[in-house]
C-alpha atoms as a PDB file:
ATOM      1  CA  MET A   1       0.000   0.000   0.000  1.00  0.00           C
ATOM      2  CA  SER A   2       1.324   3.421  -0.917  1.00  0.00           C
ATOM      3  CA  VAL A   3       1.682   6.178   1.631  1.00  0.00           C
ATOM      4  CA  ALA A   4      -1.047   8.169  -0.105  1.00  0.00           C
ATOM      5  CA  ALA A   5      -3.488   5.271   0.199  1.00  0.00           C
ATOM      6  CA  GLY A   6      -2.616   4.773   3.837  1.00  0.00           C
ATOM      7  CA  LEU A   7      -3.136   8.461   4.514  1.00  0.00           C
ATOM      8  CA  GLU A   8      -6.564   8.390   2.928  1.00  0.00           C
ATOM      9  CA  GLU A   9      -7.568   5.674   5.370  1.00  0.00           C
ATOM     10  CA  ARG A  10      -6.217   7.761   8.263  1.00  0.00           C
ATOM     11  CA  SER A  11      -7.662  11.065   7.028  1.00  0.00           C
ATOM     12  CA  ALA A  12      -9.006  11.927  10.488  1.00  0.00           C
ATOM     13  CA  ARG A  13      -5.413  11.799  11.739  1.00  0.00           C
ATOM     14  CA  LEU A  14      -3.726  13.674   8.902  1.00  0.00           C
ATOM     15  CA  SER A  15      -3.552  17.188   7.497  1.00  0.00           C
ATOM     16  CA  ILE A  16      -1.272  18.018   4.543  1.00  0.00           C
ATOM     17  CA  ARG A  17      -0.238  21.478   3.422  1.00  0.00           C
ATOM     18  CA  PRO A  18       1.335  21.301  -0.058  1.00  0.00           C
ATOM     19  CA  ALA A  19       4.820  22.585  -0.798  1.00  0.00           C
ATOM     20  CA  LYS A  20       5.204  26.209  -1.800  1.00  0.00           C
ATOM     21  CA  ASP A  21       6.274  27.024  -5.376  1.00  0.00           C
ATOM     22  CA  GLY A  22       7.049  23.387  -6.194  1.00  0.00           C
ATOM     23  CA  HIS A  23       9.679  23.143  -3.448  1.00  0.00           C
ATOM     24  CA  GLN A  24      11.687  19.906  -3.314  1.00  0.00           C
ATOM     25  CA  GLY A  25      14.334  18.742  -0.871  1.00  0.00           C
ATOM     26  CA  SER A  26      16.848  16.043  -0.103  1.00  0.00           C
ATOM     27  CA  HIS A  27      15.233  14.271   2.864  1.00  0.00           C
ATOM     28  CA  VAL A  28      12.138  13.858   5.041  1.00  0.00           C
ATOM     29  CA  LEU A  29      12.209  15.771   8.337  1.00  0.00           C
ATOM     30  CA  TYR A  30      10.186  14.674  11.370  1.00  0.00           C
ATOM     31  CA  TRP A  31      10.033  17.385  14.034  1.00  0.00           C
ATOM     32  CA  MET A  32       9.082  15.515  17.219  1.00  0.00           C
ATOM     33  CA  THR A  33       7.146  17.732  19.663  1.00  0.00           C
ATOM     34  CA  SER A  34       4.536  15.721  21.572  1.00  0.00           C
ATOM     35  CA  ALA A  35       4.805  12.043  20.581  1.00  0.00           C
ATOM     36  CA  ARG A  36       8.283  11.655  22.060  1.00  0.00           C
ATOM     37  CA  ARG A  37       8.667   7.932  21.469  1.00  0.00           C
ATOM     38  CA  THR A  38       9.806   5.442  18.827  1.00  0.00           C
ATOM     39  CA  SER A  39       7.057   2.839  19.230  1.00  0.00           C
ATOM     40  CA  TYR A  40       3.328   3.135  18.545  1.00  0.00           C
ATOM     41  CA  ASN A  41       3.915   6.574  17.034  1.00  0.00           C
ATOM     42  CA  LEU A  42       1.811   7.314  13.949  1.00  0.00           C
ATOM     43  CA  ALA A  43       3.800  10.436  13.079  1.00  0.00           C
ATOM     44  CA  LEU A  44       7.091   8.529  13.064  1.00  0.00           C
ATOM     45  CA  GLN A  45       5.409   5.677  11.203  1.00  0.00           C
ATOM     46  CA  HIS A  46       4.177   8.099   8.549  1.00  0.00           C
ATOM     47  CA  ALA A  47       7.597   9.763   8.278  1.00  0.00           C
ATOM     48  CA  VAL A  48       9.266   6.384   7.729  1.00  0.00           C
ATOM     49  CA  ASP A  49       6.669   5.365   5.127  1.00  0.00           C
ATOM     50  CA  LEU A  50       7.102   8.676   3.331  1.00  0.00           C
ATOM     51  CA  ALA A  51      10.895   8.356   3.278  1.00  0.00           C
ATOM     52  CA  VAL A  52      10.710   4.774   2.022  1.00  0.00           C
ATOM     53  CA  GLU A  53       8.248   5.646  -0.742  1.00  0.00           C
ATOM     54  CA  ARG A  54      10.366   8.593  -1.923  1.00  0.00           C
ATOM     55  CA  ASN A  55      13.673   6.792  -1.289  1.00  0.00           C
ATOM     56  CA  LEU A  56      14.905   9.715   0.794  1.00  0.00           C
ATOM     57  CA  PRO A  57      16.833   9.868   4.072  1.00  0.00           C
ATOM     58  CA  LEU A  58      14.857  10.497   7.259  1.00  0.00           C
ATOM     59  CA  LEU A  59      15.976  13.024   9.857  1.00  0.00           C
ATOM     60  CA  VAL A  60      14.256  13.136  13.263  1.00  0.00           C
ATOM     61  CA  VAL A  61      14.772  16.234  15.407  1.00  0.00           C
ATOM     62  CA  GLU A  62      13.556  16.284  19.014  1.00  0.00           C
ATOM     63  CA  ALA A  63      13.817  19.751  20.521  1.00  0.00           C
ATOM     64  CA  LEU A  64      13.235  21.030  24.045  1.00  0.00           C
ATOM     65  CA  ALA A  65      12.738  24.773  24.530  1.00  0.00           C
ATOM     66  CA  ILE A  66      13.198  26.704  27.761  1.00  0.00           C
ATOM     67  CA  GLY A  67      10.543  29.292  26.979  1.00  0.00           C
ATOM     68  CA  HIS A  68       7.583  27.338  28.290  1.00  0.00           C
ATOM     69  CA  ARG A  69       5.976  28.449  31.513  1.00  0.00           C
ATOM     70  CA  TRP A  70       7.032  25.548  33.737  1.00  0.00           C
ATOM     71  CA  ALA A  71      10.575  24.920  32.506  1.00  0.00           C
ATOM     72  CA  ASN A  72      12.445  23.421  35.466  1.00  0.00           C
ATOM     73  CA  ASP A  73      14.952  20.742  36.454  1.00  0.00           C
ATOM     74  CA  ARG A  74      12.256  18.099  36.928  1.00  0.00           C
ATOM     75  CA  ILE A  75      10.692  18.471  33.507  1.00  0.00           C
ATOM     76  CA  HIS A  76      14.000  18.845  31.678  1.00  0.00           C
ATOM     77  CA  THR A  77      15.454  15.755  33.339  1.00  0.00           C
ATOM     78  CA  PHE A  78      12.355  13.716  32.502  1.00  0.00           C
ATOM     79  CA  VAL A  79      12.319  14.741  28.828  1.00  0.00           C
ATOM     80  CA  LEU A  80      16.076  14.280  28.387  1.00  0.00           C
ATOM     81  CA  GLN A  81      15.837  10.790  29.857  1.00  0.00           C
ATOM     82  CA  GLY A  82      13.387  10.111  27.045  1.00  0.00           C
ATOM     83  CA  MET A  83      15.901  11.472  24.535  1.00  0.00           C
ATOM     84  CA  ILE A  84      18.376   8.835  25.701  1.00  0.00           C
ATOM     85  CA  ASP A  85      15.780   6.161  24.924  1.00  0.00           C
ATOM     86  CA  GLN A  86      15.167   7.662  21.475  1.00  0.00           C
ATOM     87  CA  ARG A  87      18.856   7.714  20.644  1.00  0.00           C
ATOM     88  CA  THR A  88      19.374   4.159  21.880  1.00  0.00           C
ATOM     89  CA  THR A  89      16.553   2.926  19.662  1.00  0.00           C
ATOM     90  CA  MET A  90      17.551   4.888  16.558  1.00  0.00           C
ATOM     91  CA  VAL A  91      21.236   3.985  16.485  1.00  0.00           C
ATOM     92  CA  GLY A  92      21.635   1.661  13.506  1.00  0.00           C
ATOM     93  CA  SER A  93      17.983   2.040  12.497  1.00  0.00           C
ATOM     94  CA  GLY A  94      18.609   3.878   9.225  1.00  0.00           C
ATOM     95  CA  VAL A  95      17.215   7.099  10.710  1.00  0.00           C
ATOM     96  CA  ALA A  96      19.300  10.112  11.774  1.00  0.00           C
ATOM     97  CA  TYR A  97      18.325  11.457  15.203  1.00  0.00           C
ATOM     98  CA  VAL A  98      19.262  14.931  16.442  1.00  0.00           C
ATOM     99  CA  PRO A  99      18.271  15.877  20.013  1.00  0.00           C
ATOM    100  CA  TYR A 100      18.422  19.580  20.774  1.00  0.00           C
ATOM    101  CA  VAL A 101      18.104  21.452  24.092  1.00  0.00           C
ATOM    102  CA  GLU A 102      17.746  25.222  24.005  1.00  0.00           C
ATOM    103  CA  THR A 103      20.184  27.031  26.305  1.00  0.00           C
ATOM    104  CA  ARG A 104      18.820  30.575  26.105  1.00  0.00           C
ATOM    105  CA  HIS A 105      15.378  32.013  25.371  1.00  0.00           C
ATOM    106  CA  GLY A 106      14.545  32.206  21.677  1.00  0.00           C
ATOM    107  CA  GLN A 107      17.835  30.604  20.672  1.00  0.00           C
ATOM    108  CA  ALA A 108      16.313  28.125  18.221  1.00  0.00           C
ATOM    109  CA  ARG A 109      13.493  30.295  16.936  1.00  0.00           C
ATOM    110  CA  GLY A 110      14.603  30.004  13.311  1.00  0.00           C
ATOM    111  CA  LEU A 111      15.915  26.439  13.380  1.00  0.00           C
ATOM    112  CA  LEU A 112      12.772  24.623  12.227  1.00  0.00           C
ATOM    113  CA  ALA A 113      12.197  26.989   9.312  1.00  0.00           C
ATOM    114  CA  ARG A 114      15.847  26.758   8.244  1.00  0.00           C
ATOM    115  CA  MET A 115      15.999  22.968   8.462  1.00  0.00           C
ATOM    116  CA  SER A 116      12.806  22.736   6.415  1.00  0.00           C
ATOM    117  CA  VAL A 117      14.537  24.520   3.523  1.00  0.00           C
ATOM    118  CA  ASP A 118      16.515  21.336   2.830  1.00  0.00           C
ATOM    119  CA  ALA A 119      13.555  18.991   3.436  1.00  0.00           C
ATOM    120  CA  ASP A 120      11.241  17.462   0.867  1.00  0.00           C
ATOM    121  CA  ALA A 121       8.529  17.108   3.500  1.00  0.00           C
ATOM    122  CA  LEU A 122       8.118  18.065   7.150  1.00  0.00           C
ATOM    123  CA  VAL A 123       6.199  15.681   9.396  1.00  0.00           C
ATOM    124  CA  ILE A 124       5.133  17.169  12.711  1.00  0.00           C
ATOM    125  CA  ASP A 125       2.946  16.060  15.618  1.00  0.00           C
ATOM    126  CA  ASP A 126      -0.647  17.314  15.508  1.00  0.00           C
ATOM    127  CA  TYR A 127      -1.439  18.270  19.106  1.00  0.00           C
ATOM    128  CA  PRO A 128      -4.431  20.315  20.305  1.00  0.00           C
ATOM    129  CA  THR A 129      -2.838  22.666  22.833  1.00  0.00           C
ATOM    130  CA  TYR A 130       0.075  24.779  23.993  1.00  0.00           C
ATOM    131  CA  MET A 131       3.572  24.821  22.461  1.00  0.00           C
ATOM    132  CA  PRO A 132       3.292  21.776  20.147  1.00  0.00           C
ATOM    133  CA  ARG A 133       0.240  23.358  18.556  1.00  0.00           C
ATOM    134  CA  GLN A 134       1.988  26.719  18.230  1.00  0.00           C
ATOM    135  CA  VAL A 135       5.027  25.108  16.598  1.00  0.00           C
ATOM    136  CA  ALA A 136       2.822  23.258  14.111  1.00  0.00           C
ATOM    137  CA  GLN A 137       0.918  26.426  13.236  1.00  0.00           C
ATOM    138  CA  ARG A 138       4.148  28.347  12.642  1.00  0.00           C
ATOM    139  CA  ALA A 139       5.446  25.520  10.477  1.00  0.00           C
ATOM    140  CA  GLN A 140       2.356  25.551   8.290  1.00  0.00           C
ATOM    141  CA  ALA A 141       2.696  29.291   7.805  1.00  0.00           C
ATOM    142  CA  LEU A 142       6.446  29.582   7.277  1.00  0.00           C
ATOM    143  CA  VAL A 143       8.178  26.526   5.851  1.00  0.00           C
ATOM    144  CA  PRO A 144       8.513  26.006   2.080  1.00  0.00           C
ATOM    145  CA  CYS A 145       8.241  22.204   1.960  1.00  0.00           C
ATOM    146  CA  GLU A 146       5.189  19.977   2.348  1.00  0.00           C
ATOM    147  CA  VAL A 147       3.853  19.914   5.919  1.00  0.00           C
ATOM    148  CA  HIS A 148       2.233  16.715   7.193  1.00  0.00           C
ATOM    149  CA  LEU A 149       0.474  17.023  10.565  1.00  0.00           C
ATOM    150  CA  VAL A 150      -0.151  13.602  12.119  1.00  0.00           C
ATOM    151  CA  ASP A 151      -2.348  12.937  15.148  1.00  0.00           C
ATOM    152  CA  SER A 152      -0.812  10.225  17.321  1.00  0.00           C
ATOM    153  CA  ASN A 153      -2.415  11.356  20.566  1.00  0.00           C
ATOM    154  CA  GLY A 154      -4.655   8.472  21.482  1.00  0.00           C
ATOM    155  CA  PHE A 155      -6.930   5.581  20.711  1.00  0.00           C
ATOM    156  CA  ILE A 156      -9.416   7.811  18.909  1.00  0.00           C
ATOM    157  CA  ALA A 157      -8.407  10.501  16.415  1.00  0.00           C
ATOM    158  CA  MET A 158      -9.138  14.041  17.603  1.00  0.00           C
ATOM    159  CA  ARG A 159     -11.280  14.739  14.524  1.00  0.00           C
ATOM    160  CA  HIS A 160     -12.824  11.299  14.094  1.00  0.00           C
ATOM    161  CA  ALA A 161     -16.269  11.920  15.547  1.00  0.00           C
ATOM    162  CA  GLY A 162     -16.791  15.422  14.231  1.00  0.00           C
ATOM    163  CA  ARG A 163     -18.284  16.439  17.575  1.00  0.00           C
ATOM    164  CA  ALA A 164     -17.309  17.330  21.119  1.00  0.00           C
ATOM    165  CA  PHE A 165     -17.977  15.023  24.060  1.00  0.00           C
ATOM    166  CA  THR A 166     -19.122  16.884  27.152  1.00  0.00           C
ATOM    167  CA  THR A 167     -18.854  13.893  29.498  1.00  0.00           C
ATOM    168  CA  ALA A 168     -16.623  10.845  29.828  1.00  0.00           C
ATOM    169  CA  TYR A 169     -19.763   8.695  29.664  1.00  0.00           C
ATOM    170  CA  SER A 170     -20.755  10.029  26.242  1.00  0.00           C
ATOM    171  CA  LEU A 171     -17.241   9.369  24.938  1.00  0.00           C
ATOM    172  CA  ARG A 172     -17.291   5.795  26.283  1.00  0.00           C
ATOM    173  CA  ARG A 173     -20.666   5.165  24.635  1.00  0.00           C
ATOM    174  CA  HIS A 174     -19.296   6.408  21.339  1.00  0.00           C
ATOM    175  CA  LEU A 175     -16.198   4.205  21.660  1.00  0.00           C
ATOM    176  CA  HIS A 176     -18.326   1.139  22.394  1.00  0.00           C
ATOM    177  CA  LYS A 177     -20.194   1.684  19.132  1.00  0.00           C
ATOM    178  CA  THR A 178     -17.157   2.444  16.971  1.00  0.00           C
ATOM    179  CA  ILE A 179     -14.388   0.349  18.540  1.00  0.00           C
ATOM    180  CA  GLU A 180     -13.796  -1.727  15.403  1.00  0.00           C
ATOM    181  CA  ASP A 181     -13.004   1.423  13.409  1.00  0.00           C
ATOM    182  CA  HIS A 182     -10.389   2.470  15.954  1.00  0.00           C
ATOM    183  CA  LEU A 183      -8.811  -0.985  16.218  1.00  0.00           C
ATOM    184  CA  ALA A 184      -8.151  -0.833  12.474  1.00  0.00           C
ATOM    185  CA  ASP A 185      -6.294   2.456  12.959  1.00  0.00           C
ATOM    186  CA  LEU A 186      -3.722   1.428  15.570  1.00  0.00           C
ATOM    187  CA  PRO A 187      -0.051   2.312  14.966  1.00  0.00           C
ATOM    188  CA  VAL A 188       2.557  -0.411  14.571  1.00  0.00           C
ATOM    189  CA  GLU A 189       4.814  -1.300  17.480  1.00  0.00           C
ATOM    190  CA  PHE A 190       8.096  -0.908  15.564  1.00  0.00           C
ATOM    191  CA  PRO A 191       7.694   1.863  12.961  1.00  0.00           C
ATOM    192  CA  LEU A 192      11.462   2.085  12.428  1.00  0.00           C
ATOM    193  CA  ALA A 193      11.730  -1.417  10.939  1.00  0.00           C
ATOM    194  CA  PRO A 194      11.253  -0.391   7.256  1.00  0.00           C
ATOM    195  CA  ALA A 195      13.845   2.399   7.612  1.00  0.00           C
ATOM    196  CA  ILE A 196      16.878   0.128   7.768  1.00  0.00           C
ATOM    197  CA  GLY A 197      17.680   0.535   4.057  1.00  0.00           C
ATOM    198  CA  LEU A 198      17.157   4.291   3.766  1.00  0.00           C
ATOM    199  CA  PRO A 199      19.947   6.516   2.385  1.00  0.00           C
ATOM    200  CA  ASP A 200      22.062   8.460   4.864  1.00  0.00           C
ATOM    201  CA  VAL A 201      21.230  12.058   5.712  1.00  0.00           C
ATOM    202  CA  ASP A 202      23.799  14.631   4.594  1.00  0.00           C
ATOM    203  CA  GLU A 203      25.354  15.651   7.934  1.00  0.00           C
ATOM    204  CA  ASP A 204      26.772  18.807   6.344  1.00  0.00           C
ATOM    205  CA  LEU A 205      23.223  20.080   5.775  1.00  0.00           C
ATOM    206  CA  ILE A 206      22.420  19.577   9.455  1.00  0.00           C
ATOM    207  CA  ASP A 207      25.572  21.395  10.556  1.00  0.00           C
ATOM    208  CA  LEU A 208      24.878  24.240   8.128  1.00  0.00           C
ATOM    209  CA  ALA A 209      21.336  24.742   9.443  1.00  0.00           C
ATOM    210  CA  PHE A 210      22.629  25.075  13.001  1.00  0.00           C
ATOM    211  CA  LYS A 211      25.432  27.394  11.890  1.00  0.00           C
ATOM    212  CA  GLU A 212      23.244  29.715   9.822  1.00  0.00           C
ATOM    213  CA  THR A 213      20.747  30.129  12.677  1.00  0.00           C
ATOM    214  CA  ASP A 214      23.527  30.662  15.230  1.00  0.00           C
ATOM    215  CA  THR A 215      22.220  27.676  17.190  1.00  0.00           C
ATOM    216  CA  PRO A 216      24.750  25.479  19.028  1.00  0.00           C
ATOM    217  CA  ARG A 217      24.211  21.733  18.723  1.00  0.00           C
ATOM    218  CA  THR A 218      23.572  19.982  22.024  1.00  0.00           C
ATOM    219  CA  PRO A 219      26.484  17.740  23.082  1.00  0.00           C
ATOM    220  CA  LEU A 220      25.431  14.163  23.762  1.00  0.00           C
ATOM    221  CA  GLU A 221      27.472  14.295  26.968  1.00  0.00           C
ATOM    222  CA  PHE A 222      25.183  17.045  28.304  1.00  0.00           C
ATOM    223  CA  ILE A 223      22.110  14.905  27.681  1.00  0.00           C
ATOM    224  CA  TRP A 224      23.719  11.868  29.307  1.00  0.00           C
ATOM    225  CA  ARG A 225      24.771  13.869  32.363  1.00  0.00           C
ATOM    226  CA  THR A 226      21.364  15.492  32.785  1.00  0.00           C
ATOM    227  CA  ALA A 227      19.584  12.167  32.373  1.00  0.00           C
ATOM    228  CA  GLU A 228      21.425  10.885  35.441  1.00  0.00           C
ATOM    229  CA  GLY A 229      18.975  12.967  37.454  1.00  0.00           C
ATOM    230  CA  ASN A 230      21.206  13.194  40.532  1.00  0.00           C
ATOM    231  CA  THR A 231      23.645  15.905  41.607  1.00  0.00           C
ATOM    232  CA  VAL A 232      25.590  15.395  38.364  1.00  0.00           C
ATOM    233  CA  GLY A 233      22.497  16.048  36.297  1.00  0.00           C
ATOM    234  CA  ARG A 234      21.411  19.062  38.307  1.00  0.00           C
ATOM    235  CA  GLU A 235      24.871  20.553  38.042  1.00  0.00           C
ATOM    236  CA  ALA A 236      24.669  20.268  34.253  1.00  0.00           C
ATOM    237  CA  LEU A 237      21.256  21.950  34.227  1.00  0.00           C
ATOM    238  CA  LYS A 238      22.634  25.037  35.978  1.00  0.00           C
ATOM    239  CA  ALA A 239      23.747  26.234  32.543  1.00  0.00           C
ATOM    240  CA  LEU A 240      20.093  26.678  31.521  1.00  0.00           C
ATOM    241  CA  ASP A 241      17.868  29.624  32.397  1.00  0.00           C
ATOM    242  CA  ILE A 242      15.124  27.532  34.017  1.00  0.00           C
ATOM    243  CA  ASP A 243      13.649  27.043  37.501  1.00  0.00           C
ATOM    244  CA  HIS A 244      16.176  25.045  39.517  1.00  0.00           C
ATOM    245  CA  ASP A 245      14.025  24.835  42.661  1.00  0.00           C
ATOM    246  CA  VAL A 246      11.862  21.989  41.331  1.00  0.00           C
ATOM    247  CA  ALA A 247      14.033  18.900  41.631  1.00  0.00           C
ATOM    248  CA  PRO A 248      13.798  15.671  39.601  1.00  0.00           C
ATOM    249  CA  VAL A 249      11.955  12.774  41.242  1.00  0.00           C
ATOM    250  CA  PRO A 250      14.489   9.919  41.607  1.00  0.00           C
ATOM    251  CA  HIS A 251      11.992   7.063  41.147  1.00  0.00           C
ATOM    252  CA  MET A 252      10.230   8.712  38.164  1.00  0.00           C
ATOM    253  CA  LYS A 253      12.561   8.219  35.212  1.00  0.00           C
ATOM    254  CA  GLY A 254      11.381   9.538  31.881  1.00  0.00           C
ATOM    255  CA  GLY A 255      11.357   7.623  28.604  1.00  0.00           C
ATOM    256  CA  SER A 256       9.467   4.831  26.896  1.00  0.00           C
ATOM    257  CA  MET A 257      11.457   2.079  28.573  1.00  0.00           C
ATOM    258  CA  SER A 258      10.423   3.210  32.050  1.00  0.00           C
ATOM    259  CA  ALA A 259       6.864   3.762  30.839  1.00  0.00           C
ATOM    260  CA  HIS A 260       6.702   0.200  29.543  1.00  0.00           C
ATOM    261  CA  LYS A 261       7.913  -1.191  32.880  1.00  0.00           C
ATOM    262  CA  ARG A 262       5.228   0.756  34.740  1.00  0.00           C
ATOM    263  CA  TRP A 263       2.587  -0.426  32.305  1.00  0.00           C
ATOM    264  CA  ARG A 264       3.616  -4.064  32.845  1.00  0.00           C
ATOM    265  CA  LYS A 265       3.501  -3.532  36.609  1.00  0.00           C
ATOM    266  CA  PHE A 266      -0.034  -2.194  36.334  1.00  0.00           C
ATOM    267  CA  LEU A 267      -1.188  -5.112  34.184  1.00  0.00           C
ATOM    268  CA  ASP A 268       0.408  -7.721  36.420  1.00  0.00           C
ATOM    269  CA  ALA A 269      -0.352  -6.313  39.873  1.00  0.00           C
ATOM    270  CA  ARG A 270      -3.065  -3.649  39.746  1.00  0.00           C
ATOM    271  CA  LEU A 271      -5.488  -4.197  36.884  1.00  0.00           C
ATOM    272  CA  GLU A 272      -7.687  -6.723  38.705  1.00  0.00           C
ATOM    273  CA  ARG A 273      -8.463  -4.271  41.517  1.00  0.00           C
ATOM    274  CA  TYR A 274      -8.388  -1.069  39.493  1.00  0.00           C
ATOM    275  CA  HIS A 275     -12.191  -0.830  39.234  1.00  0.00           C
ATOM    276  CA  GLU A 276     -12.570  -0.828  43.023  1.00  0.00           C
ATOM    277  CA  ASP A 277      -9.419   0.848  44.367  1.00  0.00           C
ATOM    278  CA  ARG A 278      -8.395   3.408  41.726  1.00  0.00           C
ATOM    279  CA  ASN A 279      -9.799   6.419  43.625  1.00  0.00           C
ATOM    280  CA  HIS A 280      -8.129   5.554  46.939  1.00  0.00           C
ATOM    281  CA  PRO A 281      -4.674   7.195  47.008  1.00  0.00           C
ATOM    282  CA  ASP A 282      -3.251   4.809  49.609  1.00  0.00           C
ATOM    283  CA  LEU A 283      -4.080   1.630  47.671  1.00  0.00           C
ATOM    284  CA  GLN A 284      -1.998   2.473  44.573  1.00  0.00           C
ATOM    285  CA  ALA A 285      -4.311   0.877  42.041  1.00  0.00           C
ATOM    286  CA  ALA A 286      -3.968   3.469  39.272  1.00  0.00           C
ATOM    287  CA  THR A 287      -1.469   3.173  36.423  1.00  0.00           C
ATOM    288  CA  GLY A 288       0.768   6.001  37.626  1.00  0.00           C
ATOM    289  CA  LEU A 289       1.534   6.747  33.975  1.00  0.00           C
ATOM    290  CA  SER A 290       0.367  10.361  33.857  1.00  0.00           C
ATOM    291  CA  PRO A 291       3.839  11.981  33.437  1.00  0.00           C
ATOM    292  CA  TRP A 292       4.817   9.568  30.653  1.00  0.00           C
ATOM    293  CA  LEU A 293       1.519  10.067  28.831  1.00  0.00           C
ATOM    294  CA  HIS A 294       1.860  13.840  29.173  1.00  0.00           C
ATOM    295  CA  PHE A 295       5.249  13.880  27.449  1.00  0.00           C
ATOM    296  CA  GLY A 296       4.347  11.280  24.841  1.00  0.00           C
ATOM    297  CA  HIS A 297       6.671   8.594  26.177  1.00  0.00           C
END
């Protein structure tokens, strides 16, 4: 099945803005903003399919800005721990992965637009609120290449029903009636698998984009040190203009690998009593996955 055919089936999850003035580029660019994971990610899956169909390299950029309202040591540590998982998974996958952490306010403001100049298509997460939405809106307005917005937020596409649900009950009733449609729309577990034979990204183009926007690339050592989450990590974070009073939580490690472990723990030890004990804070029957879901891990 071609990418175009697949997209038609997932039309509720996809929005495409055509390229401007017939623009063409040398690779597919996936700008990861809200679905910060490499499994069960429809945006990454679409980016891989697009790159395979066009026989182009795939570049994935995961950026973390410091301009959001609650930028602090806890959030930065959690997200950077996820970046370590992404890098571990993408090494040898056929996909180039560039993690970037902003060090001063507005530092990377022009980076997305500049990197899109070299891209044949930009794939970006379609998210309904806050900074991911703002980034996607700016991309649609500014970049010259095709822009593909992909909704990988949940079991049901944001635009599937064409209506708003005012209560959880009304949403559940709708899901009960349409569950087969949603089961046919699930993302694959390993979207990187078809990417193994893709051409290599031109590293010089990446370096040039950072240079021309006066944006320093983030050293991998900084990400590793921060992901430690202890005094070493907090010392590294002192270089950033963020709130350093909110400390990382030692037993809450970010990333898909930790999320998967928590999910298995819930299935094995809590699911059977969830319906009775979930609202009692002392009984620990809930999933505990809220932070990982929030950051798309």
